[in-house]
Protein backbone atom coordinates (compact mmCIF):
# COMPACT_ATOMS: atom_id res chain seq x y z
CA MET A 1 40.09 -19.85 -21.98
CA LYS A 2 37.56 -21.25 -24.43
CA GLN A 3 37.99 -24.75 -22.98
CA ILE A 4 37.37 -23.50 -19.43
CA ILE A 5 34.15 -21.81 -20.52
CA LEU A 6 33.00 -24.92 -22.35
CA TYR A 7 33.77 -27.08 -19.30
CA ALA A 8 31.79 -24.67 -17.08
CA MET A 9 28.79 -24.81 -19.42
CA ILE A 10 28.92 -28.62 -19.56
CA PHE A 11 29.18 -28.76 -15.78
CA MET A 12 26.09 -26.56 -15.39
CA ALA A 13 24.20 -28.61 -17.99
CA VAL A 14 24.85 -31.77 -15.96
CA VAL A 15 24.50 -30.40 -12.43
CA LEU A 16 21.40 -28.22 -12.81
CA PRO A 17 19.02 -30.98 -14.00
CA THR A 18 20.35 -33.21 -11.20
CA LEU A 19 19.63 -30.50 -8.64
CA PHE A 20 16.21 -29.93 -10.18
CA PHE A 21 15.05 -33.53 -9.77
CA THR A 22 16.80 -33.93 -6.41
CA VAL A 23 15.14 -30.93 -4.85
CA LEU A 24 11.69 -31.62 -6.26
CA SER A 25 11.82 -35.25 -5.14
CA ASP A 26 11.73 -34.16 -1.51
CA ASP A 27 8.35 -34.62 0.16
CA LYS A 28 8.32 -31.07 1.40
CA ARG A 29 8.96 -29.76 -2.09
CA LYS A 30 6.18 -31.88 -3.55
CA LYS A 31 3.68 -29.95 -1.47
CA LYS A 32 4.86 -26.77 -3.18
CA VAL A 33 4.54 -27.98 -6.78
CA LYS A 34 1.11 -26.39 -7.18
CA GLU A 35 2.42 -23.14 -5.73
CA GLU A 36 5.48 -23.23 -8.02
CA LYS A 37 3.32 -23.67 -11.11
CA SER A 38 1.78 -20.28 -10.41
CA LEU A 39 5.21 -18.64 -10.69
CA PRO A 40 6.29 -17.00 -13.96
CA PRO A 41 8.46 -19.19 -16.23
CA LEU A 42 11.66 -17.33 -15.40
CA LEU A 43 11.16 -17.82 -11.66
CA GLN A 44 10.15 -21.45 -12.19
CA PHE A 45 13.40 -22.01 -14.09
CA SER A 46 15.54 -20.38 -11.41
CA ARG A 47 13.77 -21.76 -8.34
CA PRO A 48 15.39 -25.26 -8.09
CA PRO A 49 19.00 -23.94 -8.09
CA ALA A 50 17.85 -21.07 -5.87
CA VAL A 51 16.53 -23.59 -3.33
CA PHE A 52 19.90 -25.36 -3.49
CA PHE A 53 21.74 -22.08 -2.84
CA GLU A 54 19.36 -21.34 0.02
CA LEU A 55 20.11 -24.73 1.58
CA LEU A 56 23.79 -23.75 1.47
CA GLY A 57 22.94 -20.68 3.57
CA PHE A 58 23.16 -17.89 0.99
CA GLY A 59 19.55 -16.81 1.56
CA THR A 60 20.07 -16.39 5.31
CA LEU A 61 23.33 -14.55 4.66
CA PHE A 62 21.69 -12.03 2.32
CA ARG A 63 18.80 -11.48 4.75
CA LYS A 64 21.23 -10.70 7.55
CA LEU A 65 23.35 -8.41 5.39
CA PHE A 66 20.41 -6.41 4.02
CA PRO A 67 17.61 -6.34 6.64
CA GLU A 68 15.96 -3.14 5.39
CA HIS A 69 16.04 -4.27 1.79
CA THR A 70 14.69 -7.67 2.84
CA ARG A 71 11.60 -6.05 4.35
CA SER A 72 11.10 -4.07 1.16
CA VAL A 73 11.48 -7.23 -0.94
CA GLN A 74 8.96 -9.05 1.26
CA GLN A 75 6.43 -6.26 0.74
CA LYS A 76 6.94 -6.37 -3.03
CA LEU A 77 6.55 -10.15 -3.10
CA ASP A 78 3.34 -9.94 -1.07
CA PHE A 79 2.08 -7.17 -3.29
CA ALA A 80 2.81 -9.26 -6.39
CA GLY A 81 1.05 -12.28 -4.85
CA LEU A 82 4.17 -14.51 -4.92
CA ARG A 83 4.52 -16.97 -2.06
CA ILE A 84 8.31 -17.10 -1.96
CA SER A 85 10.65 -15.91 0.74
CA PRO A 86 13.12 -13.02 0.31
CA GLY A 87 15.97 -15.50 0.76
CA THR A 88 14.74 -17.56 -2.19
CA PHE A 89 14.36 -14.37 -4.21
CA TYR A 90 17.95 -13.35 -3.45
CA CYS A 91 19.16 -16.81 -4.48
CA MET A 92 17.18 -16.55 -7.73
CA GLN A 93 18.95 -13.29 -8.49
CA MET A 94 22.28 -14.89 -7.61
CA PHE A 95 21.66 -17.87 -9.90
CA LEU A 96 20.53 -15.72 -12.84
CA PHE A 97 23.51 -13.43 -12.26
CA ILE A 98 25.96 -16.34 -12.56
CA PHE A 99 24.06 -18.20 -15.27
CA SER A 100 23.68 -15.14 -17.51
CA ALA A 101 27.35 -14.21 -17.09
CA LEU A 102 28.60 -17.69 -17.96
CA LEU A 103 26.19 -18.07 -20.86
CA ALA A 104 27.07 -14.72 -22.41
CA ALA A 105 30.79 -15.24 -21.84
CA GLY A 106 30.62 -18.70 -23.40
CA ILE A 107 28.73 -17.55 -26.48
CA THR A 108 31.03 -14.56 -26.90
CA GLY A 109 34.14 -16.71 -26.41
CA MET A 110 33.03 -19.05 -29.17
CA SER A 111 32.16 -16.17 -31.50
CA VAL A 112 35.15 -13.81 -31.29
CA ASP A 113 38.75 -14.35 -32.33
CA GLU A 114 41.92 -14.03 -30.26
CA GLU A 115 42.26 -10.30 -30.85
CA ASN A 116 38.87 -9.46 -29.31
CA ARG A 117 39.12 -11.45 -26.08
CA ILE A 118 38.40 -8.29 -24.07
CA SER A 119 34.77 -8.51 -25.17
CA ILE A 120 34.26 -11.77 -23.22
CA PRO A 121 34.33 -10.26 -19.68
CA ILE A 122 32.43 -7.20 -20.91
CA ALA A 123 29.64 -9.37 -22.32
CA GLY A 124 29.64 -11.42 -19.11
CA LEU A 125 29.31 -8.33 -16.90
CA ILE A 126 26.49 -6.86 -18.99
CA ALA A 127 24.62 -10.17 -19.07
CA ALA A 128 25.15 -10.65 -15.32
CA PHE A 129 23.70 -7.22 -14.60
CA VAL A 130 20.69 -7.88 -16.83
CA GLY A 131 20.12 -11.39 -15.46
CA GLY A 132 20.36 -10.25 -11.84
CA SER A 133 17.91 -7.41 -12.50
CA LEU A 134 15.29 -9.52 -14.28
CA PRO A 135 13.61 -10.97 -11.14
CA GLY A 136 13.12 -7.51 -9.64
CA ILE A 137 11.69 -6.13 -12.88
CA LEU A 138 9.41 -9.15 -13.22
CA VAL A 139 8.12 -8.80 -9.65
CA GLY A 140 7.48 -5.10 -10.21
CA ASN A 141 5.49 -5.80 -13.39
CA LEU A 142 3.49 -8.53 -11.65
CA ALA A 143 2.74 -6.19 -8.76
CA GLN A 144 1.52 -3.46 -11.11
CA GLU A 145 -0.63 -5.90 -13.08
CA ARG A 146 -2.09 -7.37 -9.90
CA GLN A 147 -2.84 -3.89 -8.59
CA MET A 148 -4.78 -3.06 -11.74
CA GLN A 149 -6.78 -6.30 -11.50
CA ILE A 150 -7.67 -5.56 -7.89
CA LEU A 151 -8.58 -1.96 -8.71
CA ARG A 152 -10.96 -3.11 -11.45
CA ALA A 153 -12.66 -5.67 -9.21
CA ILE A 154 -13.00 -3.68 -5.98
CA PRO A 155 -16.13 -1.60 -6.83
CA TYR A 156 -18.16 -4.61 -7.93
CA SER A 157 -17.00 -6.69 -4.97
CA ILE A 158 -18.13 -3.98 -2.58
CA ASP A 159 -21.52 -3.85 -4.33
CA LEU A 160 -21.93 -7.62 -4.00
CA ILE A 161 -20.86 -7.60 -0.34
CA ALA A 162 -23.25 -4.72 0.42
CA SER A 163 -26.10 -6.56 -1.35
CA ALA A 164 -25.39 -9.68 0.71
CA MET A 165 -25.44 -7.60 3.89
CA ARG A 166 -28.77 -6.09 2.90
CA GLY A 167 -30.00 -9.67 2.55
CA GLY A 168 -29.29 -10.33 6.24
CA LEU A 169 -25.63 -11.45 6.34
CA ASP A 170 -23.05 -9.86 8.59
CA PHE A 171 -19.78 -8.47 7.25
CA SER A 172 -17.72 -11.66 7.61
CA ALA A 173 -20.46 -13.86 6.14
CA ALA A 174 -20.92 -11.44 3.22
CA ILE A 175 -17.21 -11.55 2.41
CA ARG A 176 -17.25 -15.35 2.66
CA PHE A 177 -20.23 -15.36 0.29
CA TYR A 178 -18.25 -13.30 -2.23
CA VAL A 179 -15.20 -15.56 -1.87
CA ASN A 180 -17.31 -18.70 -2.38
CA LEU A 181 -18.75 -17.41 -5.66
CA GLY A 182 -15.83 -19.07 -7.44
CA ILE A 183 -14.46 -15.92 -9.12
CA ARG A 184 -10.71 -16.41 -9.40
CA SER A 185 -8.91 -13.12 -8.98
CA PRO A 186 -6.19 -11.55 -6.80
CA LEU A 187 -8.89 -9.68 -4.88
CA VAL A 188 -10.57 -12.96 -3.89
CA ASP A 189 -7.21 -14.21 -2.62
CA GLU A 190 -6.81 -11.08 -0.51
CA TYR A 191 -10.33 -11.41 0.88
CA SER A 192 -9.60 -15.04 1.72
CA ARG A 193 -6.46 -14.01 3.57
CA MET A 194 -8.43 -11.36 5.45
CA LEU A 195 -11.02 -13.98 6.46
CA ARG A 196 -8.29 -16.24 7.79
CA GLU A 197 -6.97 -13.37 9.90
CA MET A 198 -10.45 -12.71 11.29
CA GLU A 199 -10.88 -16.39 12.10
CA LEU A 200 -7.63 -16.25 14.08
CA GLY A 201 -9.00 -13.44 16.24
CA VAL A 202 -8.02 -10.26 14.39
CA ILE A 203 -10.77 -7.65 14.59
CA ARG A 204 -12.54 -6.55 11.43
CA THR A 205 -11.07 -3.07 11.14
CA THR A 206 -7.51 -4.32 11.73
CA ALA A 207 -7.92 -7.07 9.11
CA LEU A 208 -9.20 -4.51 6.61
CA GLN A 209 -6.29 -2.18 7.33
CA ASN A 210 -3.83 -5.07 6.92
CA MET A 211 -5.37 -5.84 3.55
CA ALA A 212 -5.12 -2.17 2.56
CA GLU A 213 -1.42 -2.17 3.49
CA ARG A 214 -0.83 -5.27 1.36
CA ILE A 215 -2.51 -4.11 -1.84
CA LYS A 216 -1.36 -0.45 -1.61
CA ILE A 217 -4.40 1.07 -3.35
CA LYS A 218 -5.38 4.54 -2.21
CA GLU A 219 -9.10 4.03 -2.80
CA PHE A 220 -9.22 0.83 -0.77
CA THR A 221 -7.26 2.50 2.03
CA SER A 222 -9.96 5.19 2.13
CA PHE A 223 -12.60 2.45 2.16
CA ALA A 224 -10.94 0.69 5.12
CA SER A 225 -10.68 3.99 7.01
CA ALA A 226 -14.36 4.78 6.31
CA VAL A 227 -15.44 1.34 7.52
CA ALA A 228 -13.35 1.71 10.68
CA LEU A 229 -14.80 5.18 11.34
CA GLY A 230 -18.35 4.00 10.65
CA THR A 231 -17.88 1.07 13.02
CA GLU A 232 -16.68 3.38 15.80
CA LEU A 233 -19.53 5.85 15.27
CA GLY A 234 -22.19 3.17 14.86
CA ALA A 235 -23.15 4.25 11.33
CA PRO A 236 -24.90 1.71 9.04
CA LEU A 237 -22.11 -0.26 7.39
CA THR A 238 -24.15 -1.00 4.27
CA GLU A 239 -24.64 2.67 3.42
CA THR A 240 -20.97 3.37 4.04
CA MET A 241 -19.97 0.59 1.66
CA GLU A 242 -22.36 1.80 -1.04
CA ILE A 243 -20.93 5.32 -0.86
CA GLN A 244 -17.36 4.03 -0.98
CA GLY A 245 -18.23 1.75 -3.90
CA ASP A 246 -19.52 4.71 -5.89
CA GLU A 247 -16.38 6.69 -5.08
CA MET A 248 -14.13 3.82 -6.20
CA ARG A 249 -16.08 3.46 -9.42
CA LYS A 250 -15.62 7.17 -10.15
CA ALA A 251 -11.90 6.87 -9.38
CA ARG A 252 -11.63 3.93 -11.78
CA PHE A 253 -13.34 5.88 -14.57
CA ALA A 254 -11.05 8.85 -13.87
CA LEU A 255 -8.02 6.57 -14.17
CA ALA A 256 -9.31 5.22 -17.49
CA GLU A 257 -9.79 8.78 -18.79
CA THR A 258 -6.27 9.71 -17.68
CA LYS A 259 -4.80 6.74 -19.56
CA ALA A 260 -6.86 7.62 -22.64
CA GLN A 261 -5.51 11.19 -22.56
CA ARG A 262 -1.95 9.86 -22.41
CA ALA A 263 -2.43 7.73 -25.52
CA PRO A 264 -1.56 10.47 -28.10
CA SER A 265 1.74 11.28 -26.38
CA LEU A 266 2.62 7.58 -26.11
CA MET A 267 1.97 7.14 -29.84
CA LEU A 268 4.58 9.74 -30.81
CA LEU A 269 7.56 7.41 -30.34
CA PRO A 270 6.29 4.50 -32.48
CA MET A 271 5.10 6.98 -35.10
CA ALA A 272 8.54 8.62 -35.21
CA LEU A 273 10.33 5.25 -35.38
CA PHE A 274 8.13 3.27 -37.76
CA ILE A 275 5.53 5.37 -39.59
CA LEU A 276 7.40 8.57 -40.46
CA PRO A 277 10.43 6.79 -42.02
CA ALA A 278 8.10 4.79 -44.25
CA VAL A 279 6.29 8.00 -45.26
CA PHE A 280 9.57 9.75 -46.06
CA ILE A 281 10.79 6.77 -48.10
CA THR A 282 7.53 6.73 -50.08
CA ILE A 283 7.69 10.46 -50.77
CA LEU A 284 11.41 10.90 -51.40
CA THR A 285 12.18 7.74 -53.40
CA PRO A 286 10.63 9.08 -56.69
CA VAL A 287 12.47 12.39 -56.18
CA PHE A 288 15.73 10.53 -55.59
CA LEU A 289 15.26 8.44 -58.76
CA LYS A 290 14.44 11.49 -60.89
CA MET A 291 17.49 13.36 -59.62
CA LYS A 292 19.68 10.31 -60.28
CA GLU A 293 18.39 10.01 -63.85
CA ALA A 294 19.08 13.72 -64.41
CA GLY A 295 22.68 13.30 -63.29
CA VAL A 296 22.39 15.51 -60.25
CA PRO A 297 25.23 14.72 -57.77
CA LEU A 298 23.54 13.56 -54.58
CA PHE A 299 26.46 12.60 -52.34
């Protein structure tokens, strides 16, 4: 059993680097090197074998088997700002599932004796579950972090766009002015995508609503609805944007206050785990030593 596991690990050590260089040597893959560098390290590590699995048809198979889940995965990937397909994501999970299981089983097989062989498949199953779940957890964390970055930047972007419109630019030109400022952020990427949609013929209100559906922020959804309503009623767009910018700024401050109020409750767990034991040790150690010197039976 131990020899089989060792052979499997050696096989993966030889095959995976070969697949890595083979896949990336393709001209089509070279165009995606810049895009791949923006991926987190775990996804960068699992992408070459995932591309190989996708070429074998596993990605298409998973998409056909789970159509509803595929749409949900696509929304999460868009929300996290990752330009990978759901099929590639499924293959990443598949690779990490297999790799984690083999790695954990191999390490456990080399560590335990003959009497504890039952722990090898148990360790493999636990590691496979953890490895297969890591991409989903990572995408969720990236989506939440990206949402917070967009939420912080939205009020100031609306102020800058409204100022540009007061200077004589229309809505599209004002957004292009904000994008061309050179500020690198997820919000700029979303504005750039919205501009591309408008250049392809999508009307302004529809492009704004598409952006609101992608970023899933309640305040921006209200902003898109207010802009659409103001456009239909003929209200001044600049005033509407200023009002919505103030409302978003208030919502951001309210969110910061809410997080500050949660801080004391979040501090209870680390205090109970790390601070209180140290306090008890400091207080009770002299008492313990005195009682031991006096001959008092403690245990």
